[in-house]
PDB file of N, CA and C in Angstrom:
ATOM      1  N   MET A   1      61.819 -88.568 213.676  1.00  0.00           N
ATOM      2  CA  MET A   1      61.265 -87.046 213.169  1.00  0.00           C
ATOM      3  C   MET A   1      62.318 -85.807 213.267  1.00  0.00           C
ATOM      4  N   LYS A   2      62.394 -85.244 212.146  1.00  0.00           N
ATOM      5  CA  LYS A   2      63.564 -84.110 212.554  1.00  0.00           C
ATOM      6  C   LYS A   2      62.637 -82.322 212.327  1.00  0.00           C
ATOM      7  N   ILE A   3      63.284 -82.029 213.854  1.00  0.00           N
ATOM      8  CA  ILE A   3      62.553 -80.830 214.052  1.00  0.00           C
ATOM      9  C   ILE A   3      63.786 -79.209 214.037  1.00  0.00           C
ATOM     10  N   LEU A   4      63.939 -78.458 213.415  1.00  0.00           N
ATOM     11  CA  LEU A   4      64.681 -77.271 213.319  1.00  0.00           C
ATOM     12  C   LEU A   4      63.889 -76.418 214.287  1.00  0.00           C
ATOM     13  N   TRP A   5      64.822 -75.736 215.409  1.00  0.00           N
ATOM     14  CA  TRP A   5      64.148 -74.601 216.237  1.00  0.00           C
ATOM     15  C   TRP A   5      64.865 -73.780 215.893  1.00  0.00           C
ATOM     16  N   VAL A   6      64.408 -72.559 215.977  1.00  0.00           N
ATOM     17  CA  VAL A   6      65.328 -71.171 214.918  1.00  0.00           C
ATOM     18  C   VAL A   6      64.965 -70.059 215.905  1.00  0.00           C
ATOM     19  N   ASP A   7      66.045 -69.728 216.804  1.00  0.00           N
ATOM     20  CA  ASP A   7      65.712 -68.860 217.585  1.00  0.00           C
ATOM     21  C   ASP A   7      67.315 -67.896 217.972  1.00  0.00           C
ATOM     22  N   ASP A   8      67.089 -66.682 217.776  1.00  0.00           N
ATOM     23  CA  ASP A   8      68.228 -65.802 218.361  1.00  0.00           C
ATOM     24  C   ASP A   8      68.882 -65.959 219.834  1.00  0.00           C
ATOM     25  N   HIS A   9      67.813 -66.279 220.683  1.00  0.00           N
ATOM     26  CA  HIS A   9      68.346 -66.650 222.216  1.00  0.00           C
ATOM     27  C   HIS A   9      69.119 -67.666 222.368  1.00  0.00           C
ATOM     28  N   GLU A  10      70.327 -67.929 222.031  1.00  0.00           N
ATOM     29  CA  GLU A  10      70.904 -68.831 222.070  1.00  0.00           C
ATOM     30  C   GLU A  10      70.398 -70.523 223.449  1.00  0.00           C
ATOM     31  N   ILE A  11      70.527 -69.634 224.321  1.00  0.00           N
ATOM     32  CA  ILE A  11      70.327 -70.395 225.490  1.00  0.00           C
ATOM     33  C   ILE A  11      68.880 -71.323 225.392  1.00  0.00           C
ATOM     34  N   LEU A  12      67.550 -70.133 224.999  1.00  0.00           N
ATOM     35  CA  LEU A  12      66.554 -70.066 225.056  1.00  0.00           C
ATOM     36  C   LEU A  12      66.491 -71.353 224.291  1.00  0.00           C
ATOM     37  N   CYS A  13      67.147 -71.584 223.189  1.00  0.00           N
ATOM     38  CA  CYS A  13      66.804 -72.068 221.758  1.00  0.00           C
ATOM     39  C   CYS A  13      67.668 -73.653 222.150  1.00  0.00           C
ATOM     40  N   VAL A  14      68.571 -73.710 222.367  1.00  0.00           N
ATOM     41  CA  VAL A  14      69.208 -75.022 223.201  1.00  0.00           C
ATOM     42  C   VAL A  14      68.301 -75.860 223.928  1.00  0.00           C
ATOM     43  N   ALA A  15      67.778 -74.962 225.470  1.00  0.00           N
ATOM     44  CA  ALA A  15      67.045 -75.680 226.189  1.00  0.00           C
ATOM     45  C   ALA A  15      65.813 -76.373 225.731  1.00  0.00           C
ATOM     46  N   LEU A  16      65.191 -74.895 224.750  1.00  0.00           N
ATOM     47  CA  LEU A  16      63.733 -76.197 224.445  1.00  0.00           C
ATOM     48  C   LEU A  16      63.597 -76.627 223.313  1.00  0.00           C
ATOM     49  N   SER A  17      65.230 -77.193 223.007  1.00  0.00           N
ATOM     50  CA  SER A  17      65.505 -77.949 221.888  1.00  0.00           C
ATOM     51  C   SER A  17      65.664 -79.385 222.724  1.00  0.00           C
ATOM     52  N   GLU A  18      66.725 -79.295 223.478  1.00  0.00           N
ATOM     53  CA  GLU A  18      67.057 -80.422 224.389  1.00  0.00           C
ATOM     54  C   GLU A  18      65.763 -80.955 225.076  1.00  0.00           C
ATOM     55  N   TYR A  19      65.012 -79.892 225.948  1.00  0.00           N
ATOM     56  CA  TYR A  19      63.336 -80.376 226.204  1.00  0.00           C
ATOM     57  C   TYR A  19      62.613 -81.096 225.779  1.00  0.00           C
ATOM     58  N   VAL A  20      62.051 -80.464 224.297  1.00  0.00           N
ATOM     59  CA  VAL A  20      61.474 -81.434 223.223  1.00  0.00           C
ATOM     60  C   VAL A  20      62.169 -82.563 222.919  1.00  0.00           C
ATOM     61  N   GLN A  21      63.358 -82.516 222.645  1.00  0.00           N
ATOM     62  CA  GLN A  21      64.136 -83.651 221.761  1.00  0.00           C
ATOM     63  C   GLN A  21      63.768 -85.063 223.257  1.00  0.00           C
ATOM     64  N   THR A  22      64.359 -84.798 224.610  1.00  0.00           N
ATOM     65  CA  THR A  22      64.105 -85.897 225.615  1.00  0.00           C
ATOM     66  C   THR A  22      62.602 -85.979 225.912  1.00  0.00           C
ATOM     67  N   HIS A  23      61.809 -85.332 226.154  1.00  0.00           N
ATOM     68  CA  HIS A  23      60.384 -85.090 226.454  1.00  0.00           C
ATOM     69  C   HIS A  23      59.485 -85.947 225.374  1.00  0.00           C
ATOM     70  N   ALA A  24      59.709 -85.409 223.851  1.00  0.00           N
ATOM     71  CA  ALA A  24      58.950 -85.761 222.522  1.00  0.00           C
ATOM     72  C   ALA A  24      59.608 -87.375 222.399  1.00  0.00           C
ATOM     73  N   SER A  25      60.904 -87.630 222.364  1.00  0.00           N
ATOM     74  CA  SER A  25      61.322 -89.156 222.647  1.00  0.00           C
ATOM     75  C   SER A  25      60.921 -90.242 223.400  1.00  0.00           C
ATOM     76  N   GLU A  26      60.374 -89.679 224.498  1.00  0.00           N
ATOM     77  CA  GLU A  26      59.783 -90.298 225.354  1.00  0.00           C
ATOM     78  C   GLU A  26      58.530 -91.134 225.052  1.00  0.00           C
ATOM     79  N   LEU A  27      57.885 -90.154 224.597  1.00  0.00           N
ATOM     80  CA  LEU A  27      56.187 -90.122 224.418  1.00  0.00           C
ATOM     81  C   LEU A  27      56.149 -91.094 222.371  1.00  0.00           C
ATOM     82  N   SER A  28      57.418 -90.931 222.247  1.00  0.00           N
ATOM     83  CA  SER A  28      57.319 -91.232 220.268  1.00  0.00           C
ATOM     84  C   SER A  28      58.164 -92.768 220.428  1.00  0.00           C
ATOM     85  N   VAL A  29      57.469 -93.261 219.420  1.00  0.00           N
ATOM     86  CA  VAL A  29      57.896 -94.792 218.679  1.00  0.00           C
ATOM     87  C   VAL A  29      59.330 -94.416 217.861  1.00  0.00           C
ATOM     88  N   ALA A  30      59.085 -93.676 216.967  1.00  0.00           N
ATOM     89  CA  ALA A  30      60.360 -92.864 216.125  1.00  0.00           C
ATOM     90  C   ALA A  30      61.225 -91.964 217.177  1.00  0.00           C
ATOM     91  N   PRO A  31      62.371 -92.373 216.771  1.00  0.00           N
ATOM     92  CA  PRO A  31      63.534 -90.971 217.525  1.00  0.00           C
ATOM     93  C   PRO A  31      63.060 -89.384 216.858  1.00  0.00           C
ATOM     94  N   ILE A  32      63.430 -88.562 217.776  1.00  0.00           N
ATOM     95  CA  ILE A  32      63.226 -87.318 217.574  1.00  0.00           C
ATOM     96  C   ILE A  32      64.249 -86.715 217.758  1.00  0.00           C
ATOM     97  N   GLU A  33      64.978 -86.096 216.849  1.00  0.00           N
ATOM     98  CA  GLU A  33      66.216 -85.148 216.101  1.00  0.00           C
ATOM     99  C   GLU A  33      65.584 -83.418 216.310  1.00  0.00           C
ATOM    100  N   VAL A  34      66.209 -82.770 217.557  1.00  0.00           N
ATOM    101  CA  VAL A  34      66.155 -81.498 217.395  1.00  0.00           C
ATOM    102  C   VAL A  34      67.452 -80.712 216.878  1.00  0.00           C
ATOM    103  N   THR A  35      67.545 -79.897 216.342  1.00  0.00           N
ATOM    104  CA  THR A  35      68.696 -79.238 215.893  1.00  0.00           C
ATOM    105  C   THR A  35      68.088 -77.685 215.903  1.00  0.00           C
ATOM    106  N   PRO A  36      68.860 -77.083 216.956  1.00  0.00           N
ATOM    107  CA  PRO A  36      68.634 -75.562 217.256  1.00  0.00           C
ATOM    108  C   PRO A  36      69.620 -74.770 216.501  1.00  0.00           C
ATOM    109  N   VAL A  37      69.541 -73.403 215.704  1.00  0.00           N
ATOM    110  CA  VAL A  37      70.127 -72.603 214.971  1.00  0.00           C
ATOM    111  C   VAL A  37      69.446 -71.335 215.345  1.00  0.00           C
ATOM    112  N   PHE A  38      70.897 -70.388 215.407  1.00  0.00           N
ATOM    113  CA  PHE A  38      70.375 -69.206 215.951  1.00  0.00           C
ATOM    114  C   PHE A  38      70.312 -68.098 214.893  1.00  0.00           C
ATOM    115  N   THR A  39      70.229 -68.241 213.424  1.00  0.00           N
ATOM    116  CA  THR A  39      70.212 -67.107 212.567  1.00  0.00           C
ATOM    117  C   THR A  39      69.193 -67.733 211.183  1.00  0.00           C
ATOM    118  N   LEU A  40      68.627 -66.726 210.836  1.00  0.00           N
ATOM    119  CA  LEU A  40      67.851 -67.210 209.543  1.00  0.00           C
ATOM    120  C   LEU A  40      69.194 -67.430 208.686  1.00  0.00           C
ATOM    121  N   ALA A  41      69.779 -67.393 208.210  1.00  0.00           N
ATOM    122  CA  ALA A  41      70.729 -67.952 206.964  1.00  0.00           C
ATOM    123  C   ALA A  41      71.170 -69.762 207.771  1.00  0.00           C
ATOM    124  N   SER A  42      71.218 -69.925 209.148  1.00  0.00           N
ATOM    125  CA  SER A  42      71.744 -71.030 209.695  1.00  0.00           C
ATOM    126  C   SER A  42      70.225 -72.021 209.362  1.00  0.00           C
ATOM    127  N   ALA A  43      69.280 -71.413 209.285  1.00  0.00           N
ATOM    128  CA  ALA A  43      67.834 -71.902 209.062  1.00  0.00           C
ATOM    129  C   ALA A  43      67.404 -72.338 207.678  1.00  0.00           C
ATOM    130  N   LEU A  44      68.006 -71.511 206.758  1.00  0.00           N
ATOM    131  CA  LEU A  44      68.357 -71.589 205.644  1.00  0.00           C
ATOM    132  C   LEU A  44      69.209 -73.013 205.246  1.00  0.00           C
ATOM    133  N   GLU A  45      70.026 -72.855 205.289  1.00  0.00           N
ATOM    134  CA  GLU A  45      71.198 -73.852 204.868  1.00  0.00           C
ATOM    135  C   GLU A  45      70.689 -75.150 205.511  1.00  0.00           C
ATOM    136  N   GLU A  46      70.070 -75.308 207.038  1.00  0.00           N
ATOM    137  CA  GLU A  46      69.270 -76.777 207.285  1.00  0.00           C
ATOM    138  C   GLU A  46      68.518 -77.038 206.060  1.00  0.00           C
ATOM    139  N   LEU A  47      67.872 -76.108 205.425  1.00  0.00           N
ATOM    140  CA  LEU A  47      66.499 -76.679 204.910  1.00  0.00           C
ATOM    141  C   LEU A  47      67.198 -77.126 203.719  1.00  0.00           C
ATOM    142  N   SER A  48      68.075 -76.535 203.196  1.00  0.00           N
ATOM    143  CA  SER A  48      68.844 -77.200 201.689  1.00  0.00           C
ATOM    144  C   SER A  48      69.607 -78.461 201.958  1.00  0.00           C
ATOM    145  N   LYS A  49      69.452 -79.287 203.477  1.00  0.00           N
ATOM    146  CA  LYS A  49      70.109 -80.273 203.727  1.00  0.00           C
ATOM    147  C   LYS A  49      68.925 -81.518 203.203  1.00  0.00           C
ATOM    148  N   ALA A  50      69.530 -82.859 202.451  1.00  0.00           N
ATOM    149  CA  ALA A  50      68.324 -83.520 202.621  1.00  0.00           C
ATOM    150  C   ALA A  50      68.945 -84.877 203.508  1.00  0.00           C
ATOM    151  N   PRO A  51      67.546 -85.264 204.210  1.00  0.00           N
ATOM    152  CA  PRO A  51      66.454 -84.703 203.631  1.00  0.00           C
ATOM    153  C   PRO A  51      66.003 -83.634 204.513  1.00  0.00           C
ATOM    154  N   PRO A  52      65.228 -82.954 204.456  1.00  0.00           N
ATOM    155  CA  PRO A  52      64.925 -81.725 205.117  1.00  0.00           C
ATOM    156  C   PRO A  52      63.876 -81.873 206.445  1.00  0.00           C
ATOM    157  N   PRO A  53      64.208 -80.718 207.398  1.00  0.00           N
ATOM    158  CA  PRO A  53      63.354 -81.233 208.614  1.00  0.00           C
ATOM    159  C   PRO A  53      61.880 -81.501 208.347  1.00  0.00           C
ATOM    160  N   ASP A  54      61.227 -82.015 209.627  1.00  0.00           N
ATOM    161  CA  ASP A  54      59.835 -82.312 209.351  1.00  0.00           C
ATOM    162  C   ASP A  54      58.620 -81.484 209.735  1.00  0.00           C
ATOM    163  N   LEU A  55      59.718 -80.470 210.505  1.00  0.00           N
ATOM    164  CA  LEU A  55      58.958 -79.232 211.366  1.00  0.00           C
ATOM    165  C   LEU A  55      59.734 -78.130 211.865  1.00  0.00           C
ATOM    166  N   VAL A  56      59.355 -76.924 211.917  1.00  0.00           N
ATOM    167  CA  VAL A  56      60.115 -75.811 212.041  1.00  0.00           C
ATOM    168  C   VAL A  56      59.238 -74.906 213.247  1.00  0.00           C
ATOM    169  N   PHE A  57      60.065 -74.734 214.248  1.00  0.00           N
ATOM    170  CA  PHE A  57      59.873 -73.787 214.924  1.00  0.00           C
ATOM    171  C   PHE A  57      60.673 -72.643 214.881  1.00  0.00           C
ATOM    172  N   LEU A  58      59.704 -71.376 214.571  1.00  0.00           N
ATOM    173  CA  LEU A  58      60.647 -70.409 213.555  1.00  0.00           C
ATOM    174  C   LEU A  58      60.454 -68.852 215.013  1.00  0.00           C
ATOM    175  N   ASP A  59      61.510 -68.399 215.397  1.00  0.00           N
ATOM    176  CA  ASP A  59      60.840 -67.365 216.227  1.00  0.00           C
ATOM    177  C   ASP A  59      60.696 -65.883 215.308  1.00  0.00           C
ATOM    178  N   LEU A  60      60.195 -65.482 215.322  1.00  0.00           N
ATOM    179  CA  LEU A  60      59.656 -63.983 214.161  1.00  0.00           C
ATOM    180  C   LEU A  60      60.932 -63.136 214.422  1.00  0.00           C
ATOM    181  N   ASN A  61      61.857 -62.869 215.543  1.00  0.00           N
ATOM    182  CA  ASN A  61      62.528 -61.563 215.656  1.00  0.00           C
ATOM    183  C   ASN A  61      64.045 -62.045 215.883  1.00  0.00           C
ATOM    184  N   LEU A  62      64.359 -62.427 214.542  1.00  0.00           N
ATOM    185  CA  LEU A  62      65.733 -62.721 214.353  1.00  0.00           C
ATOM    186  C   LEU A  62      67.200 -61.734 214.467  1.00  0.00           C
ATOM    187  N   ASP A  63      67.733 -62.027 213.417  1.00  0.00           N
ATOM    188  CA  ASP A  63      68.885 -61.056 213.184  1.00  0.00           C
ATOM    189  C   ASP A  63      68.787 -60.151 212.463  1.00  0.00           C
ATOM    190  N   GLY A  64      69.342 -58.889 212.712  1.00  0.00           N
ATOM    191  CA  GLY A  64      69.099 -57.582 211.427  1.00  0.00           C
ATOM    192  C   GLY A  64      67.785 -57.936 210.857  1.00  0.00           C
ATOM    193  N   GLU A  65      67.700 -57.659 209.680  1.00  0.00           N
ATOM    194  CA  GLU A  65      66.328 -56.792 209.067  1.00  0.00           C
ATOM    195  C   GLU A  65      65.270 -58.300 209.176  1.00  0.00           C
ATOM    196  N   ASN A  66      65.298 -59.412 209.560  1.00  0.00           N
ATOM    197  CA  ASN A  66      64.797 -60.570 210.156  1.00  0.00           C
ATOM    198  C   ASN A  66      63.624 -60.229 211.462  1.00  0.00           C
ATOM    199  N   ARG A  67      62.724 -59.464 211.004  1.00  0.00           N
ATOM    200  CA  ARG A  67      61.937 -59.158 212.091  1.00  0.00           C
ATOM    201  C   ARG A  67      60.331 -59.462 211.498  1.00  0.00           C
ATOM    202  N   GLY A  68      59.821 -60.019 212.870  1.00  0.00           N
ATOM    203  CA  GLY A  68      58.279 -59.886 212.402  1.00  0.00           C
ATOM    204  C   GLY A  68      58.231 -60.946 210.655  1.00  0.00           C
ATOM    205  N   VAL A  69      56.984 -60.328 210.260  1.00  0.00           N
ATOM    206  CA  VAL A  69      56.565 -60.933 208.954  1.00  0.00           C
ATOM    207  C   VAL A  69      57.689 -61.188 208.134  1.00  0.00           C
ATOM    208  N   THR A  70      58.628 -60.490 207.963  1.00  0.00           N
ATOM    209  CA  THR A  70      59.606 -60.297 207.136  1.00  0.00           C
ATOM    210  C   THR A  70      60.331 -61.652 207.334  1.00  0.00           C
ATOM    211  N   THR A  71      60.346 -62.033 208.495  1.00  0.00           N
ATOM    212  CA  THR A  71      61.310 -63.695 208.516  1.00  0.00           C
ATOM    213  C   THR A  71      60.410 -64.737 208.050  1.00  0.00           C
ATOM    214  N   LEU A  72      58.973 -64.516 208.483  1.00  0.00           N
ATOM    215  CA  LEU A  72      58.546 -65.930 207.921  1.00  0.00           C
ATOM    216  C   LEU A  72      58.922 -65.469 206.228  1.00  0.00           C
ATOM    217  N   GLU A  73      58.400 -64.366 205.487  1.00  0.00           N
ATOM    218  CA  GLU A  73      58.282 -63.964 204.406  1.00  0.00           C
ATOM    219  C   GLU A  73      60.288 -64.850 203.918  1.00  0.00           C
ATOM    220  N   HIS A  74      60.866 -64.287 204.354  1.00  0.00           N
ATOM    221  CA  HIS A  74      62.392 -64.839 204.121  1.00  0.00           C
ATOM    222  C   HIS A  74      62.806 -66.304 203.987  1.00  0.00           C
ATOM    223  N   PHE A  75      62.092 -66.762 205.238  1.00  0.00           N
ATOM    224  CA  PHE A  75      62.117 -68.522 205.130  1.00  0.00           C
ATOM    225  C   PHE A  75      61.132 -69.072 204.299  1.00  0.00           C
ATOM    226  N   GLN A  76      59.935 -68.602 204.023  1.00  0.00           N
ATOM    227  CA  GLN A  76      59.170 -69.437 203.376  1.00  0.00           C
ATOM    228  C   GLN A  76      60.120 -69.427 202.240  1.00  0.00           C
ATOM    229  N   ALA A  77      60.584 -68.270 201.238  1.00  0.00           N
ATOM    230  CA  ALA A  77      61.215 -68.196 199.976  1.00  0.00           C
ATOM    231  C   ALA A  77      62.357 -69.304 199.605  1.00  0.00           C
ATOM    232  N   GLY A  78      62.806 -69.242 200.827  1.00  0.00           N
ATOM    233  CA  GLY A  78      63.666 -70.631 200.918  1.00  0.00           C
ATOM    234  C   GLY A  78      63.246 -72.207 201.550  1.00  0.00           C
ATOM    235  N   ASN A  79      62.359 -71.987 201.592  1.00  0.00           N
ATOM    236  CA  ASN A  79      61.326 -73.305 202.140  1.00  0.00           C
ATOM    237  C   ASN A  79      60.491 -74.110 200.928  1.00  0.00           C
ATOM    238  N   PRO A  80      61.380 -74.396 200.055  1.00  0.00           N
ATOM    239  CA  PRO A  80      60.910 -74.954 198.289  1.00  0.00           C
ATOM    240  C   PRO A  80      60.103 -76.359 198.886  1.00  0.00           C
ATOM    241  N   CYS A  81      60.470 -76.935 200.203  1.00  0.00           N
ATOM    242  CA  CYS A  81      60.078 -78.329 200.410  1.00  0.00           C
ATOM    243  C   CYS A  81      58.168 -78.135 201.029  1.00  0.00           C
ATOM    244  N   ASN A  82      58.069 -76.475 201.539  1.00  0.00           N
ATOM    245  CA  ASN A  82      57.186 -76.251 202.201  1.00  0.00           C
ATOM    246  C   ASN A  82      57.108 -77.186 203.418  1.00  0.00           C
ATOM    247  N   VAL A  83      58.258 -76.975 204.397  1.00  0.00           N
ATOM    248  CA  VAL A  83      58.134 -77.775 205.537  1.00  0.00           C
ATOM    249  C   VAL A  83      57.347 -76.943 206.214  1.00  0.00           C
ATOM    250  N   PRO A  84      56.459 -77.578 207.349  1.00  0.00           N
ATOM    251  CA  PRO A  84      55.404 -76.761 208.101  1.00  0.00           C
ATOM    252  C   PRO A  84      55.974 -76.098 209.032  1.00  0.00           C
ATOM    253  N   VAL A  85      56.053 -74.933 209.766  1.00  0.00           N
ATOM    254  CA  VAL A  85      56.330 -74.128 210.831  1.00  0.00           C
ATOM    255  C   VAL A  85      55.536 -73.889 211.706  1.00  0.00           C
ATOM    256  N   VAL A  86      56.158 -73.774 212.827  1.00  0.00           N
ATOM    257  CA  VAL A  86      54.800 -73.562 213.788  1.00  0.00           C
ATOM    258  C   VAL A  86      56.005 -71.970 214.125  1.00  0.00           C
ATOM    259  N   ILE A  87      54.873 -70.590 214.341  1.00  0.00           N
ATOM    260  CA  ILE A  87      55.816 -69.703 214.959  1.00  0.00           C
ATOM    261  C   ILE A  87      55.703 -69.024 216.189  1.00  0.00           C
ATOM    262  N   CYS A  88      57.016 -68.904 216.609  1.00  0.00           N
ATOM    263  CA  CYS A  88      57.234 -68.686 218.075  1.00  0.00           C
ATOM    264  C   CYS A  88      57.502 -67.182 218.297  1.00  0.00           C
ATOM    265  N   THR A  89      56.727 -66.795 219.037  1.00  0.00           N
ATOM    266  CA  THR A  89      56.853 -65.432 219.288  1.00  0.00           C
ATOM    267  C   THR A  89      56.459 -64.716 220.629  1.00  0.00           C
ATOM    268  N   GLY A  90      57.157 -63.983 221.101  1.00  0.00           N
ATOM    269  CA  GLY A  90      56.862 -62.906 222.497  1.00  0.00           C
ATOM    270  C   GLY A  90      55.890 -61.952 222.129  1.00  0.00           C
ATOM    271  N   LEU A  91      55.742 -61.727 220.406  1.00  0.00           N
ATOM    272  CA  LEU A  91      54.229 -60.639 220.671  1.00  0.00           C
ATOM    273  C   LEU A  91      53.072 -61.149 221.323  1.00  0.00           C
ATOM    274  N   ALA A  92      52.608 -59.658 222.090  1.00  0.00           N
ATOM    275  CA  ALA A  92      51.362 -59.959 222.646  1.00  0.00           C
ATOM    276  C   ALA A  92      50.239 -59.368 221.902  1.00  0.00           C
ATOM    277  N   PRO A  93      49.039 -60.195 222.081  1.00  0.00           N
ATOM    278  CA  PRO A  93      47.850 -60.056 220.971  1.00  0.00           C
ATOM    279  C   PRO A  93      47.156 -58.928 221.980  1.00  0.00           C
ATOM    280  N   GLY A  94      47.782 -58.030 223.204  1.00  0.00           N
ATOM    281  CA  GLY A  94      46.700 -57.352 223.422  1.00  0.00           C
ATOM    282  C   GLY A  94      47.108 -55.492 222.707  1.00  0.00           C
ATOM    283  N   ASN A  95      48.593 -55.831 221.990  1.00  0.00           N
ATOM    284  CA  ASN A  95      48.937 -54.673 221.234  1.00  0.00           C
ATOM    285  C   ASN A  95      48.640 -54.577 219.850  1.00  0.00           C
ATOM    286  N   ASP A  96      47.761 -53.678 219.296  1.00  0.00           N
ATOM    287  CA  ASP A  96      47.378 -53.726 217.995  1.00  0.00           C
ATOM    288  C   ASP A  96      48.374 -53.791 216.865  1.00  0.00           C
ATOM    289  N   ASP A  97      49.336 -53.430 216.881  1.00  0.00           N
ATOM    290  CA  ASP A  97      50.419 -53.365 215.862  1.00  0.00           C
ATOM    291  C   ASP A  97      50.975 -54.940 215.655  1.00  0.00           C
ATOM    292  N   GLU A  98      51.226 -55.757 216.960  1.00  0.00           N
ATOM    293  CA  GLU A  98      51.672 -56.789 217.307  1.00  0.00           C
ATOM    294  C   GLU A  98      50.321 -57.752 216.522  1.00  0.00           C
ATOM    295  N   VAL A  99      49.560 -57.738 216.822  1.00  0.00           N
ATOM    296  CA  VAL A  99      48.081 -58.366 216.364  1.00  0.00           C
ATOM    297  C   VAL A  99      48.375 -58.244 215.020  1.00  0.00           C
ATOM    298  N   GLU A 100      48.382 -56.909 214.279  1.00  0.00           N
ATOM    299  CA  GLU A 100      48.685 -57.120 212.875  1.00  0.00           C
ATOM    300  C   GLU A 100      49.930 -57.676 212.274  1.00  0.00           C
ATOM    301  N   ILE A 101      50.967 -57.876 212.926  1.00  0.00           N
ATOM    302  CA  ILE A 101      51.966 -58.875 212.423  1.00  0.00           C
ATOM    303  C   ILE A 101      51.439 -60.249 212.472  1.00  0.00           C
ATOM    304  N   LEU A 102      51.058 -60.578 213.427  1.00  0.00           N
ATOM    305  CA  LEU A 102      50.478 -61.722 213.467  1.00  0.00           C
ATOM    306  C   LEU A 102      49.406 -62.435 212.389  1.00  0.00           C
ATOM    307  N   ARG A 103      48.458 -61.227 212.375  1.00  0.00           N
ATOM    308  CA  ARG A 103      47.754 -61.751 211.080  1.00  0.00           C
ATOM    309  C   ARG A 103      48.010 -62.071 209.805  1.00  0.00           C
ATOM    310  N   MET A 104      49.465 -60.809 209.702  1.00  0.00           N
ATOM    311  CA  MET A 104      50.004 -61.036 208.224  1.00  0.00           C
ATOM    312  C   MET A 104      51.106 -62.375 208.418  1.00  0.00           C
ATOM    313  N   CYS A 105      51.248 -62.788 209.142  1.00  0.00           N
ATOM    314  CA  CYS A 105      51.724 -64.252 209.228  1.00  0.00           C
ATOM    315  C   CYS A 105      50.833 -65.575 208.875  1.00  0.00           C
ATOM    316  N   VAL A 106      50.018 -65.647 209.694  1.00  0.00           N
ATOM    317  CA  VAL A 106      48.870 -66.569 209.173  1.00  0.00           C
ATOM    318  C   VAL A 106      48.470 -66.297 207.825  1.00  0.00           C
ATOM    319  N   THR A 107      48.082 -65.656 207.514  1.00  0.00           N
ATOM    320  CA  THR A 107      47.810 -64.928 205.983  1.00  0.00           C
ATOM    321  C   THR A 107      48.673 -65.045 205.008  1.00  0.00           C
ATOM    322  N   THR A 108      50.102 -65.108 205.438  1.00  0.00           N
ATOM    323  CA  THR A 108      51.163 -65.860 204.690  1.00  0.00           C
ATOM    324  C   THR A 108      51.190 -67.620 204.608  1.00  0.00           C
ATOM    325  N   LEU A 109      51.050 -67.782 205.683  1.00  0.00           N
ATOM    326  CA  LEU A 109      51.193 -68.967 205.881  1.00  0.00           C
ATOM    327  C   LEU A 109      50.189 -70.257 205.051  1.00  0.00           C
ATOM    328  N   LEU A 110      48.898 -69.174 205.181  1.00  0.00           N
ATOM    329  CA  LEU A 110      47.604 -69.703 204.438  1.00  0.00           C
ATOM    330  C   LEU A 110      47.749 -69.584 202.978  1.00  0.00           C
ATOM    331  N   GLU A 111      48.279 -68.781 202.054  1.00  0.00           N
ATOM    332  CA  GLU A 111      48.491 -68.249 200.782  1.00  0.00           C
ATOM    333  C   GLU A 111      49.649 -69.362 200.739  1.00  0.00           C
ATOM    334  N   GLU A 112      50.438 -69.434 201.131  1.00  0.00           N
ATOM    335  CA  GLU A 112      51.483 -70.561 200.471  1.00  0.00           C
ATOM    336  C   GLU A 112      50.608 -72.152 200.884  1.00  0.00           C
ATOM    337  N   SER A 113      49.997 -72.277 201.606  1.00  0.00           N
ATOM    338  CA  SER A 113      49.508 -73.534 201.139  1.00  0.00           C
ATOM    339  C   SER A 113      48.738 -73.889 200.093  1.00  0.00           C
ATOM    340  N   PHE A 114      47.837 -73.048 199.781  1.00  0.00           N
ATOM    341  CA  PHE A 114      47.075 -73.373 198.787  1.00  0.00           C
ATOM    342  C   PHE A 114      47.599 -73.158 197.195  1.00  0.00           C
TER     343      PHE A 114
END
C-alpha cells in the first residue's frame, strides 16, 4: 500500500509518516510505503506518478493560497484517479468559521464521489 502524507510542518510530517510506516507494516501482510511531502505542488507531482498512492493524508493549511477548503479543491482538481483523501487539520469544531470550513470539505468530497 502506498500512502502520501501532505503537511507543511516538515518534522511532524516525517515523524507521522515514519510512525505509520513502521507500525502499520507490523500489522499488515503487504508492505506499506509512506511518502511525506510538504507542499501541494509536491503532492500533485506524486499523484501524477504511476501507480498513484492508494491513500492521501492531507493537511488543509499548506503553502501560500492553499488554505482550508481551497487546498482540498486544488488537490482534487489534480486527483484524476480519485485517490481517497483523509483530511488532517488542527481546525477546532468549537469555532463556527472552522466548522464551516470542515463542512465545505465534506461537501466537496461527497460531491466528487458521485
